[in-house]
Protein backbone atom coordinates (compact mmCIF):
# COMPACT_ATOMS: atom_id res chain seq x y z
CA MET A 1 35.23 25.10 102.47
CA LYS A 2 33.71 26.56 105.61
CA LYS A 3 34.33 30.27 106.12
CA ILE A 4 35.55 31.08 109.62
CA LYS A 5 34.23 34.54 110.47
CA VAL A 6 36.22 36.61 112.97
CA CYS A 7 34.99 39.86 114.50
CA ILE A 8 37.94 42.15 115.33
CA LEU A 9 36.16 44.52 117.70
CA ARG A 10 37.60 48.00 118.01
CA SER A 11 36.89 51.41 119.50
CA ALA A 12 38.60 54.79 119.76
CA GLY A 13 42.21 54.12 120.75
CA THR A 14 42.44 50.54 119.49
CA ASN A 15 45.62 50.27 117.41
CA CYS A 16 46.46 46.59 116.91
CA ASP A 17 43.31 45.68 115.01
CA LYS A 18 44.86 45.44 111.54
CA GLU A 19 47.73 43.26 112.75
CA THR A 20 45.28 40.96 114.52
CA ALA A 21 43.12 40.76 111.40
CA ALA A 22 46.20 39.92 109.32
CA ALA A 23 47.15 37.12 111.72
CA PHE A 24 43.71 35.53 111.45
CA LYS A 25 43.74 35.87 107.67
CA ILE A 26 47.10 34.10 107.45
CA ALA A 27 45.68 31.40 109.73
CA GLY A 28 42.85 30.81 107.24
CA ALA A 29 39.96 32.85 108.62
CA GLU A 30 37.95 35.78 107.26
CA PRO A 31 38.42 38.66 109.71
CA GLU A 32 36.32 41.81 109.75
CA LEU A 33 37.17 45.00 111.62
CA LEU A 34 34.05 46.19 113.41
CA HIS A 35 33.50 49.20 115.67
CA ILE A 36 31.74 48.38 118.92
CA ASN A 37 28.98 50.88 118.06
CA SER A 38 27.92 48.59 115.19
CA LEU A 39 27.00 45.92 117.74
CA VAL A 40 25.51 48.30 120.29
CA SER A 41 23.25 49.86 117.63
CA ARG A 42 22.42 46.37 116.31
CA LYS A 43 23.47 47.26 112.79
CA ARG A 44 25.55 44.09 113.07
CA VAL A 45 25.02 40.94 115.13
CA LEU A 46 27.75 39.17 117.10
CA GLY A 47 26.10 35.84 116.33
CA ASP A 48 27.18 36.17 112.68
CA PHE A 49 30.77 35.41 113.75
CA HIS A 50 32.60 32.34 115.07
CA ILE A 51 35.41 34.17 116.88
CA LEU A 52 35.50 37.47 118.74
CA ALA A 53 38.90 39.15 119.02
CA LEU A 54 39.66 42.12 121.25
CA PRO A 55 42.98 43.56 120.05
CA GLY A 56 45.60 45.67 121.77
CA GLY A 57 45.88 49.42 122.01
CA PHE A 58 44.63 52.10 124.39
CA SER A 59 40.85 51.95 124.11
CA TYR A 60 39.29 55.29 125.05
CA GLY A 61 42.74 56.52 126.00
CA ASP A 62 42.79 54.07 128.93
CA ASP A 63 40.85 56.64 130.93
CA ILE A 64 39.95 55.52 134.48
CA ALA A 65 42.06 52.37 133.99
CA SER A 66 43.27 50.32 131.04
CA GLY A 67 40.33 48.78 129.19
CA LYS A 68 37.77 49.79 131.82
CA ILE A 69 35.43 51.88 129.63
CA PHE A 70 35.39 49.28 126.85
CA ALA A 71 34.78 46.59 129.49
CA ASN A 72 31.80 48.51 130.83
CA GLU A 73 30.35 48.74 127.34
CA LEU A 74 30.55 44.97 127.03
CA ARG A 75 29.00 44.42 130.47
CA PHE A 76 26.15 46.90 130.25
CA LYS A 77 25.36 47.02 126.53
CA LEU A 78 26.30 43.63 125.08
CA ALA A 79 26.09 41.17 127.98
CA ASP A 80 23.21 39.14 126.54
CA SER A 81 24.86 38.86 123.12
CA LEU A 82 28.11 37.76 124.72
CA ARG A 83 26.43 35.15 126.92
CA GLN A 84 24.68 33.70 123.86
CA PHE A 85 27.94 33.75 121.88
CA ILE A 86 29.71 31.80 124.62
CA ALA A 87 26.77 29.39 125.10
CA GLU A 88 27.00 28.50 121.41
CA GLY A 89 30.56 27.25 121.96
CA LYS A 90 32.28 30.07 120.11
CA LEU A 91 35.72 31.52 120.82
CA ILE A 92 37.05 34.77 122.27
CA ILE A 93 40.61 36.08 122.41
CA GLY A 94 41.80 39.29 124.07
CA ILE A 95 45.35 40.54 123.55
CA CYS A 96 47.01 43.14 125.82
CA ASN A 97 44.34 45.85 126.07
CA GLY A 98 41.92 43.11 125.02
CA PHE A 99 43.02 41.02 128.02
CA GLN A 100 42.47 44.02 130.28
CA ILE A 101 38.98 44.37 128.82
CA LEU A 102 38.17 40.69 129.37
CA VAL A 103 39.14 40.66 133.05
CA LYS A 104 37.48 44.00 133.82
CA SER A 105 34.26 42.93 132.12
CA GLY A 106 34.21 39.68 134.11
CA LEU A 107 34.41 37.51 130.98
CA LEU A 108 37.65 36.19 132.46
CA PRO A 109 38.14 34.13 134.53
CA GLY A 110 34.40 33.82 133.86
CA SER A 111 31.18 34.05 135.87
CA LYS A 112 27.49 34.11 135.02
CA ASP A 113 27.02 37.56 136.56
CA LEU A 114 30.21 38.95 134.95
CA LYS A 115 31.72 39.75 138.32
CA GLN A 116 35.28 41.04 138.23
CA ASP A 117 37.64 39.17 140.55
CA THR A 118 40.97 39.62 138.75
CA SER A 119 42.68 42.65 137.26
CA LEU A 120 45.73 43.95 135.42
CA ILE A 121 47.35 46.86 137.20
CA ILE A 122 50.38 49.15 136.89
CA ASN A 123 53.69 47.34 136.33
CA ASP A 124 55.91 46.96 139.39
CA SER A 125 58.58 48.93 137.52
CA GLY A 126 56.20 51.88 137.32
CA LYS A 127 56.92 52.32 133.63
CA PHE A 128 55.86 51.14 130.20
CA GLU A 129 57.60 47.83 129.40
CA ALA A 130 58.34 46.93 125.78
CA ARG A 131 60.55 43.93 125.05
CA TRP A 132 60.54 40.31 123.93
CA VAL A 133 59.71 37.69 126.56
CA TYR A 134 59.44 33.92 126.82
CA LEU A 135 56.17 32.28 127.80
CA LYS A 136 55.57 28.84 129.26
CA PRO A 137 52.28 27.35 127.98
CA GLY A 138 50.15 25.22 130.26
CA GLY A 139 46.64 24.69 131.53
CA LYS A 140 43.64 23.72 129.44
CA CYS A 141 42.88 25.92 126.44
CA VAL A 142 42.00 25.31 122.80
CA TRP A 143 44.17 28.27 121.74
CA THR A 144 47.43 26.77 123.10
CA LYS A 145 47.39 23.33 121.49
CA GLY A 146 50.78 22.11 120.28
CA LEU A 147 52.85 25.08 121.45
CA LYS A 148 56.53 24.65 122.32
CA LYS A 149 57.73 24.52 125.93
CA ALA A 150 58.72 28.19 125.68
CA ILE A 151 57.42 30.58 123.01
CA TYR A 152 58.83 34.02 122.25
CA LEU A 153 56.56 37.07 121.93
CA PRO A 154 56.83 40.84 122.46
CA VAL A 155 55.13 42.78 125.25
CA ALA A 156 54.21 46.47 125.24
CA HIS A 157 52.20 47.63 128.23
CA GLY A 158 52.13 49.87 131.28
CA GLU A 159 49.40 48.01 133.21
CA GLY A 160 50.12 44.31 132.84
CA LYS A 161 50.55 43.04 136.38
CA PHE A 162 48.02 40.25 136.85
CA VAL A 163 46.43 40.13 140.31
CA THR A 164 43.50 38.30 141.89
CA GLN A 165 40.94 39.56 144.37
CA ASP A 166 42.20 37.09 146.95
CA ARG A 167 44.07 33.83 147.30
CA SER A 168 40.95 31.74 146.75
CA VAL A 169 40.56 33.12 143.22
CA LEU A 170 44.18 32.26 142.42
CA ASN A 171 43.75 28.76 143.85
CA ARG A 172 40.63 28.26 141.72
CA LEU A 173 42.50 29.30 138.58
CA LYS A 174 45.27 26.83 139.31
CA LYS A 175 42.92 24.00 140.29
CA ASN A 176 40.84 24.42 137.11
CA ARG A 177 43.97 24.69 134.94
CA GLN A 178 43.00 28.19 133.79
CA VAL A 179 46.54 29.57 133.92
CA VAL A 180 47.73 29.05 130.35
CA PHE A 181 50.79 31.31 130.02
CA GLN A 182 53.53 32.21 132.49
CA TYR A 183 56.58 34.39 131.97
CA CYS A 184 59.72 32.27 131.89
CA ASP A 185 63.27 32.01 130.52
CA ALA A 186 64.33 30.30 127.28
CA GLU A 187 64.31 26.91 129.03
CA GLY A 188 60.77 27.30 130.36
CA ARG A 189 61.81 28.11 133.94
CA LEU A 190 59.83 30.79 135.76
CA CYS A 191 61.91 33.91 136.29
CA ALA A 192 61.87 37.38 137.82
CA TYR A 193 62.12 40.83 136.21
CA PRO A 194 62.89 41.56 133.40
CA GLY A 195 61.69 38.14 132.22
CA ASN A 196 58.50 38.83 134.14
CA PRO A 197 58.05 42.39 132.86
CA ASN A 198 55.30 43.52 135.21
CA GLY A 199 55.46 41.56 138.48
CA SER A 200 52.39 39.40 137.83
CA ILE A 201 51.61 36.96 140.63
CA GLU A 202 52.93 33.47 139.84
CA ASN A 203 54.33 34.97 136.58
CA ILE A 204 50.86 34.80 135.02
CA ALA A 205 50.80 36.19 131.48
CA GLY A 206 47.54 34.67 130.24
CA ILE A 207 44.45 32.85 131.50
CA THR A 208 41.38 31.12 130.11
CA ASP A 209 37.84 30.52 131.33
CA GLN A 210 36.69 27.10 132.53
CA THR A 211 35.63 26.06 129.02
CA GLY A 212 39.12 26.74 127.63
CA ARG A 213 37.56 28.73 124.79
CA ILE A 214 38.17 32.30 126.03
CA LEU A 215 41.83 33.37 126.11
CA GLY A 216 43.37 36.55 127.44
CA LEU A 217 47.11 37.29 127.35
CA MET A 218 49.32 40.35 127.70
CA PRO A 219 52.04 39.54 125.11
CA HIS A 220 51.30 40.12 121.42
CA PRO A 221 51.14 36.92 119.28
CA GLU A 222 50.00 38.99 116.27
CA ARG A 223 53.40 40.72 116.29
CA HIS A 224 55.30 37.47 115.81
CA ILE A 225 53.55 35.77 112.92
CA TYR A 226 56.69 35.64 110.79
CA ALA A 227 60.14 34.91 112.22
CA ALA A 228 61.45 38.00 110.42
CA ALA A 229 59.45 40.17 112.82
CA HIS A 230 62.20 39.81 115.41
CA PRO A 231 64.64 42.75 115.11
CA ARG A 232 67.79 41.08 116.45
CA LYS A 233 67.59 37.31 116.53
CA TRP A 234 68.88 36.86 113.01
CA GLY A 235 68.90 33.08 113.32
CA LEU A 236 65.09 33.17 113.54
CA ARG A 237 64.60 35.17 110.39
CA PHE A 238 64.76 32.67 107.55
CA ASN A 239 62.05 30.27 106.36
CA ARG A 240 60.30 30.07 109.70
CA GLU A 241 57.00 31.08 111.18
CA GLY A 242 56.89 33.20 114.27
CA ASP A 243 55.71 31.67 117.53
CA GLY A 244 52.43 33.61 117.52
CA LEU A 245 50.87 32.08 114.42
CA GLN A 246 50.01 28.73 116.00
CA ILE A 247 47.73 30.46 118.52
CA PHE A 248 45.57 31.89 115.73
CA ARG A 249 45.69 28.61 113.79
CA ASN A 250 44.45 26.75 116.84
CA GLY A 251 41.39 28.99 117.07
CA VAL A 252 40.59 28.61 113.40
CA GLU A 253 41.05 24.82 113.44
CA TYR A 254 38.85 24.48 116.52
CA VAL A 255 36.01 26.26 114.75
CA LYS A 256 36.42 24.09 111.66
CA GLU A 257 36.21 20.92 113.71
CA ASN A 258 33.59 21.87 116.28
CA LEU A 259 31.23 24.55 115.00
């Protein structure tokens, strides 16, 4: 059986790496936690992996802005490796701080020169938001195949408001079907705060690149792998998977079938 190798890339301040590795392992992959310095020093090679995962946390203490220092390391130290990785048809996922890193490095929404034209900024509430939210899947992305009309995941962030440089960037995302998650209610209807925990434009909670192979999202699918992870919804707790597991399964299955 083919071994699906996943690089869980971490740095100082990353704190969701082990949960993300566990999610991929349950989904059938072989994850490895790797410090970014291992790639920068070329002790390890990104090309040895099929999937790159950027987990949540507070990389480098979120100095300057959330994910910005880690994003600069990707842009200025690993750009060629990342371009090759993407050209080979491989997958990338960024969760919470990982999503912030992807947009601030220019890997999302995606451009050849890694230009940043979207961002994730301070929540409209002006405070850290931690709760469970519903997400409406859509768009075109290999990671979202077969998801329900509204999935349930936790959020935990202070800078999660998705914004675009201008209206033309937003229109391009919508035209290319790159908006893949929106905050909604239990019926899949878009809603305001607190359902939209940060004030993101058009309730955007996650986007992909034009290939559909790079996913960034603010909520944490790795925290809802088992139904029992939910602290209050007792009806969800028995003999059921959590809503997050299918996302990781989709990535693993894509690699099995296409790489």
